[in-house]
Amino acid sequence: MQSAVNSAEQTEIPFSLLQQLSSLVTSVENLDASGNPIGAVIFISDTSDDALRNADRLLPKLKNVKLTFILLGENVVSSKLRNFTSNFIYWQDLTQSEPDNWDLLYYRAYACDIPFVPSTTTTTTETPYIPCHSWISFGIDDSSNLSPQAFRNQINFISSQISTINHPERIAAASVYTDYIYWTPWNTISQIQSDLQLIKESSNPYFLRDIFASLTNNVVDNSQSPYQMASIIFISDTSDKAINGAEAYMKNFGLVRFTFVLLGPNLDPNKLKQFSSNFIYWRDLSQTQPENWGNFSSFAYGC
């Protein structure tokens, strides 16, 4: 199989999703999967109407297949593929040897789902930690870069995610210009959500160093915990001015898994790779949540 892949040659024929799915349908119809999940990873460089024409008519034959599109380059439009799947992996910089976040997302692309397994003990009954044992911090973008509606969508999304976490003492949040919500045993879900709604969009620019500065105290206070710490940072500006100075704080974050949620279509993830290679895209801020959130959330939470 590897030999066949290595001997493949590029053609001058334009991309056709219909042709890709037709081949997949033939394979699925000849396959005895015995009830096992089927994953199909489709590399796609063209989302024009011509490239996608008539492909949707094959969807009924693929209802048992988990489709994942790997979007090649910067000009593919994921929204045009949403009637096929909501599973997208980005490979914007094709000079890189693999797609963004491949090491974290590949198992889902292969249709392998890792279930949540609650902690058990023979002596006491512990309330399961959902989504997992990690300590989670949200870095909120309250700069002037976002429209009022985009800012509100960000706040509402974070609030909705907090409602799915059942140990509020392990939730923290910070913004560039607003007070910090610390990891503390006195937190409640409703209080954290109320505090989030009090955060206002400022008229000032974004500075990543200020998010890192706020996070530092929390991390130092929690440095003896054996569990993963995860920081999900919403960011709308990757200019040098927005990022400079943040690197000075990285020495404090050896135990922290960072994930950047890139707000809008014009950010450069390469400018953030000194901090993390974990990126989630939220290009269309009129949508209620980032792209691929369902697939990526467990990693972002440090699970």
Protein backbone atom coordinates (compact mmCIF):
# COMPACT_ATOMS: atom_id res chain seq x y z
CA MET A 1 0.00 0.00 0.00
CA GLN A 2 2.80 2.43 0.86
CA SER A 3 4.43 1.66 -2.46
CA ALA A 4 1.21 2.53 -4.30
CA VAL A 5 0.91 5.81 -2.41
CA ASN A 6 4.54 6.72 -3.04
CA SER A 7 4.20 6.03 -6.76
CA ALA A 8 1.15 8.29 -7.17
CA GLU A 9 1.70 11.19 -9.56
CA GLN A 10 0.04 14.59 -9.81
CA THR A 11 -2.29 15.03 -12.78
CA GLU A 12 -3.71 18.02 -14.64
CA ILE A 13 -7.28 16.88 -13.94
CA PRO A 14 -9.21 19.27 -11.68
CA PHE A 15 -10.38 18.09 -8.26
CA SER A 16 -13.80 16.43 -8.11
CA LEU A 17 -15.33 15.54 -4.77
CA LEU A 18 -17.93 13.45 -6.62
CA GLN A 19 -15.15 11.25 -7.98
CA GLN A 20 -13.56 10.93 -4.52
CA LEU A 21 -16.86 9.93 -2.93
CA SER A 22 -17.72 7.55 -5.78
CA SER A 23 -14.52 5.61 -5.12
CA LEU A 24 -15.29 5.63 -1.41
CA VAL A 25 -18.83 4.30 -1.98
CA THR A 26 -17.42 1.42 -4.04
CA SER A 27 -14.99 0.54 -1.25
CA VAL A 28 -17.66 0.73 1.45
CA GLU A 29 -20.09 -1.43 -0.52
CA ASN A 30 -17.41 -4.11 -0.90
CA LEU A 31 -16.37 -3.94 2.73
CA ASP A 32 -17.57 -6.16 5.54
CA ALA A 33 -16.94 -3.87 8.48
CA SER A 34 -18.88 -6.10 10.88
CA GLY A 35 -20.30 -3.12 12.71
CA ASN A 36 -16.92 -1.43 13.20
CA PRO A 37 -16.62 2.30 12.55
CA ILE A 38 -15.41 3.47 9.13
CA GLY A 39 -13.31 6.61 8.80
CA ALA A 40 -12.56 8.41 5.52
CA VAL A 41 -9.91 11.15 5.39
CA ILE A 42 -10.28 13.29 2.27
CA PHE A 43 -7.62 15.80 1.25
CA ILE A 44 -9.18 18.72 -0.60
CA SER A 45 -7.68 21.81 -2.23
CA ASP A 46 -10.72 23.16 -4.08
CA THR A 47 -14.17 24.01 -2.73
CA SER A 48 -15.47 25.74 -5.85
CA ASP A 49 -18.93 24.88 -7.13
CA ASP A 50 -17.38 22.86 -9.98
CA ALA A 51 -15.27 20.84 -7.56
CA LEU A 52 -18.25 19.97 -5.35
CA ARG A 53 -20.94 19.55 -8.01
CA ASN A 54 -23.28 16.56 -7.45
CA ALA A 55 -21.14 15.11 -4.67
CA ASP A 56 -23.95 15.46 -2.14
CA ARG A 57 -26.09 12.91 -3.98
CA LEU A 58 -23.80 10.16 -2.66
CA LEU A 59 -24.23 11.11 1.00
CA PRO A 60 -27.06 8.59 1.67
CA LYS A 61 -24.63 5.79 0.77
CA LEU A 62 -22.07 7.10 3.26
CA LYS A 63 -24.27 7.54 6.31
CA ASN A 64 -22.17 5.05 8.31
CA VAL A 65 -18.85 6.66 7.37
CA LYS A 66 -17.15 9.33 9.47
CA LEU A 67 -15.83 11.85 6.95
CA THR A 68 -12.95 14.20 7.76
CA PHE A 69 -11.72 16.82 5.30
CA ILE A 70 -8.12 17.97 5.37
CA LEU A 71 -8.22 21.48 3.90
CA LEU A 72 -5.11 22.14 1.81
CA GLY A 73 -3.94 25.74 1.64
CA GLU A 74 -5.54 29.01 2.65
CA ASN A 75 -8.26 29.34 0.01
CA VAL A 76 -10.57 26.42 0.79
CA VAL A 77 -13.90 27.32 2.40
CA SER A 78 -14.98 24.89 5.11
CA SER A 79 -18.55 26.24 5.25
CA LYS A 80 -19.17 24.83 1.75
CA LEU A 81 -18.47 21.35 3.09
CA ARG A 82 -20.71 21.41 6.15
CA ASN A 83 -23.48 19.43 4.48
CA PHE A 84 -20.98 16.54 4.30
CA THR A 85 -19.38 16.77 7.76
CA SER A 86 -18.28 19.20 10.46
CA ASN A 87 -14.90 17.45 10.86
CA PHE A 88 -12.12 19.62 9.44
CA ILE A 89 -8.35 19.54 9.81
CA TYR A 90 -6.38 22.44 8.39
CA TRP A 91 -3.10 22.29 6.47
CA GLN A 92 -2.68 25.95 5.64
CA ASP A 93 1.10 25.98 5.37
CA LEU A 94 1.87 23.21 2.89
CA THR A 95 5.60 23.61 3.43
CA GLN A 96 5.04 21.89 6.78
CA SER A 97 5.35 18.11 6.90
CA GLU A 98 1.87 17.48 8.32
CA PRO A 99 -1.47 19.26 8.93
CA ASP A 100 -2.04 21.54 11.90
CA ASN A 101 -2.81 19.55 15.05
CA TRP A 102 -2.54 16.20 13.26
CA ASP A 103 -0.97 14.50 16.26
CA LEU A 104 -3.99 15.49 18.35
CA LEU A 105 -6.77 14.94 15.83
CA TYR A 106 -5.76 11.92 13.79
CA TYR A 107 -7.48 9.33 15.98
CA ARG A 108 -10.86 10.99 15.43
CA ALA A 109 -10.18 11.21 11.70
CA TYR A 110 -9.59 7.46 11.86
CA ALA A 111 -13.05 7.08 13.52
CA CYS A 112 -11.49 6.12 16.85
CA ASP A 113 -13.38 7.68 19.75
CA ILE A 114 -11.91 7.54 23.24
CA PRO A 115 -14.76 7.32 25.78
CA PHE A 116 -14.75 9.09 29.10
CA VAL A 117 -13.82 6.65 31.85
CA PRO A 118 -14.58 7.98 35.35
CA SER A 119 -12.06 7.55 38.11
CA THR A 120 -12.85 4.76 40.57
CA THR A 121 -11.54 3.77 43.98
CA THR A 122 -12.15 0.82 46.25
CA THR A 123 -12.47 2.94 49.38
CA THR A 124 -14.49 6.01 48.42
CA THR A 125 -16.89 7.00 45.68
CA GLU A 126 -15.60 10.07 43.86
CA THR A 127 -17.75 12.34 41.75
CA PRO A 128 -16.53 11.81 38.17
CA TYR A 129 -14.54 14.68 36.72
CA ILE A 130 -16.16 15.83 33.49
CA PRO A 131 -14.59 16.31 31.01
CA CYS A 132 -11.54 15.03 32.96
CA HIS A 133 -9.28 15.84 35.94
CA SER A 134 -7.49 18.78 34.32
CA TRP A 135 -7.47 22.37 35.54
CA ILE A 136 -8.95 24.58 32.81
CA SER A 137 -8.38 28.28 32.18
CA PHE A 138 -10.07 30.44 29.53
CA GLY A 139 -8.18 33.46 28.14
CA ILE A 140 -10.82 35.90 26.91
CA ASP A 141 -10.26 38.48 24.18
CA ASP A 142 -11.87 41.71 25.37
CA SER A 143 -9.88 43.94 23.01
CA SER A 144 -11.33 46.36 20.49
CA ASN A 145 -10.65 44.03 17.56
CA LEU A 146 -13.98 42.18 17.72
CA SER A 147 -17.38 43.47 16.69
CA PRO A 148 -19.88 43.69 19.57
CA GLN A 149 -21.72 40.60 18.28
CA ALA A 150 -18.52 38.60 17.84
CA PHE A 151 -17.44 39.51 21.36
CA ARG A 152 -20.82 38.46 22.74
CA ASN A 153 -20.66 35.16 20.81
CA GLN A 154 -17.29 34.49 22.40
CA ILE A 155 -18.60 35.14 25.94
CA ASN A 156 -21.74 33.08 25.38
CA PHE A 157 -19.76 30.20 23.95
CA ILE A 158 -17.38 30.10 26.92
CA SER A 159 -20.32 30.29 29.30
CA SER A 160 -22.03 27.38 27.56
CA GLN A 161 -18.87 25.29 27.78
CA ILE A 162 -18.48 26.02 31.47
CA SER A 163 -21.92 24.54 32.04
CA THR A 164 -20.57 21.18 30.79
CA ILE A 165 -17.77 21.09 33.40
CA ASN A 166 -18.87 19.63 36.71
CA HIS A 167 -16.01 20.70 39.00
CA PRO A 168 -16.14 24.51 39.10
CA GLU A 169 -13.14 24.70 41.43
CA ARG A 170 -11.07 23.71 38.38
CA ILE A 171 -12.32 26.53 36.13
CA ALA A 172 -10.53 29.85 35.77
CA ALA A 173 -10.80 32.74 33.33
CA ALA A 174 -8.99 35.95 32.52
CA SER A 175 -9.20 38.72 29.97
CA VAL A 176 -6.71 41.39 29.01
CA TYR A 177 -8.53 44.19 30.82
CA THR A 178 -10.75 42.48 33.42
CA ASP A 179 -10.12 40.88 36.80
CA TYR A 180 -9.18 37.22 37.02
CA ILE A 181 -11.41 34.30 38.03
CA TYR A 182 -9.12 31.99 39.97
CA TRP A 183 -9.10 28.26 40.56
CA THR A 184 -10.69 28.13 44.00
CA PRO A 185 -12.90 25.70 45.98
CA TRP A 186 -15.47 28.49 46.42
CA ASN A 187 -16.32 28.72 42.72
CA THR A 188 -19.77 27.74 41.48
CA ILE A 189 -20.81 27.33 37.85
CA SER A 190 -23.50 30.00 38.11
CA GLN A 191 -21.14 32.50 39.76
CA ILE A 192 -18.48 32.02 37.10
CA GLN A 193 -21.10 32.46 34.36
CA SER A 194 -22.38 35.62 36.05
CA ASP A 195 -18.86 37.00 36.28
CA LEU A 196 -18.31 36.30 32.60
CA GLN A 197 -21.37 38.34 31.64
CA LEU A 198 -19.86 41.32 33.48
CA ILE A 199 -16.84 41.40 31.18
CA LYS A 200 -17.09 44.29 28.74
CA GLU A 201 -15.34 44.81 25.46
CA SER A 202 -12.66 47.48 25.82
CA SER A 203 -11.50 50.13 23.39
CA ASN A 204 -7.88 48.99 23.70
CA PRO A 205 -5.65 46.61 21.69
CA TYR A 206 -4.91 42.95 22.42
CA PHE A 207 -1.78 41.94 24.36
CA LEU A 208 -1.01 38.25 24.82
CA ARG A 209 1.52 39.04 27.55
CA ASP A 210 -1.26 40.34 29.80
CA ILE A 211 -3.15 37.05 29.49
CA PHE A 212 0.05 35.18 30.34
CA ALA A 213 0.74 37.48 33.29
CA SER A 214 -2.69 36.76 34.76
CA LEU A 215 -2.28 33.03 34.22
CA THR A 216 1.14 32.93 35.91
CA ASN A 217 -0.16 33.45 39.46
CA ASN A 218 -2.73 30.71 39.08
CA VAL A 219 -0.19 28.25 37.69
CA VAL A 220 2.34 28.96 40.42
CA ASP A 221 -0.32 28.48 43.11
CA ASN A 222 -1.32 25.16 41.53
CA SER A 223 2.13 23.85 40.63
CA GLN A 224 1.93 20.89 43.03
CA SER A 225 -1.14 19.38 41.35
CA PRO A 226 -0.42 16.06 39.57
CA TYR A 227 -3.04 16.83 36.92
CA GLN A 228 -2.76 18.59 33.59
CA MET A 229 -3.36 22.34 33.40
CA ALA A 230 -4.95 23.57 30.18
CA SER A 231 -5.30 27.13 28.92
CA ILE A 232 -7.65 27.95 26.04
CA ILE A 233 -6.73 31.39 24.74
CA PHE A 234 -9.02 33.33 22.42
CA ILE A 235 -6.96 35.69 20.26
CA SER A 236 -7.84 38.18 17.52
CA ASP A 237 -4.42 39.72 16.81
CA THR A 238 -1.13 38.02 15.91
CA SER A 239 0.81 41.18 15.07
CA ASP A 240 4.25 41.65 16.61
CA LYS A 241 2.86 44.35 18.88
CA ALA A 242 0.19 41.98 20.22
CA ILE A 243 2.60 39.11 20.86
CA ASN A 244 5.91 40.72 21.86
CA GLY A 245 6.81 40.19 25.50
CA ALA A 246 4.64 37.12 26.00
CA GLU A 247 7.60 34.77 25.55
CA ALA A 248 9.10 35.98 28.84
CA TYR A 249 6.35 34.14 30.74
CA MET A 250 6.80 30.74 29.10
CA LYS A 251 9.30 29.59 31.72
CA ASN A 252 6.37 29.48 34.17
CA PHE A 253 4.21 27.19 32.02
CA GLY A 254 6.01 23.87 31.81
CA LEU A 255 2.88 22.00 32.97
CA VAL A 256 0.36 23.93 30.86
CA ARG A 257 -1.13 22.77 27.54
CA PHE A 258 -1.99 25.85 25.49
CA THR A 259 -4.62 25.93 22.77
CA PHE A 260 -5.22 29.09 20.76
CA VAL A 261 -8.67 29.82 19.34
CA LEU A 262 -8.00 32.07 16.34
CA LEU A 263 -10.77 34.65 16.03
CA GLY A 264 -11.40 35.75 12.45
CA PRO A 265 -9.88 34.90 9.06
CA ASN A 266 -6.69 36.98 9.07
CA LEU A 267 -4.56 35.57 11.89
CA ASP A 268 -1.19 33.89 11.38
CA PRO A 269 -0.83 30.71 13.49
CA ASN A 270 2.88 30.53 12.65
CA LYS A 271 3.44 33.57 14.89
CA LEU A 272 2.13 31.55 17.84
CA LYS A 273 4.08 28.32 17.35
CA GLN A 274 6.71 29.40 19.87
CA PHE A 275 3.96 28.95 22.48
CA SER A 276 1.93 26.03 21.11
CA SER A 277 1.07 24.13 17.94
CA ASN A 278 -2.52 23.56 19.08
CA PHE A 279 -4.91 25.75 17.09
CA ILE A 280 -8.68 25.91 16.73
CA TYR A 281 -10.13 28.19 14.06
CA TRP A 282 -13.16 30.45 14.44
CA ARG A 283 -13.06 32.27 11.13
CA ASP A 284 -16.77 33.03 10.86
CA LEU A 285 -17.55 34.81 14.11
CA SER A 286 -21.25 34.92 13.32
CA GLN A 287 -21.28 31.20 14.13
CA THR A 288 -21.99 30.19 17.73
CA GLN A 289 -18.82 28.14 18.22
CA PRO A 290 -15.41 27.52 16.63
CA GLU A 291 -14.93 25.13 13.75
CA ASN A 292 -14.16 21.56 14.77
CA TRP A 293 -14.84 22.28 18.45
CA GLY A 294 -16.59 18.96 18.99
CA ASN A 295 -13.54 17.06 17.77
CA PHE A 296 -10.91 19.18 19.46
CA SER A 297 -12.46 20.13 22.80
CA SER A 298 -11.12 17.17 24.80
CA PHE A 299 -7.55 18.06 23.80
CA ALA A 300 -8.10 21.74 24.53
CA TYR A 301 -9.30 20.78 28.00
CA GLY A 302 -6.09 18.83 28.63
CA CYS A 303 -7.80 15.43 28.57
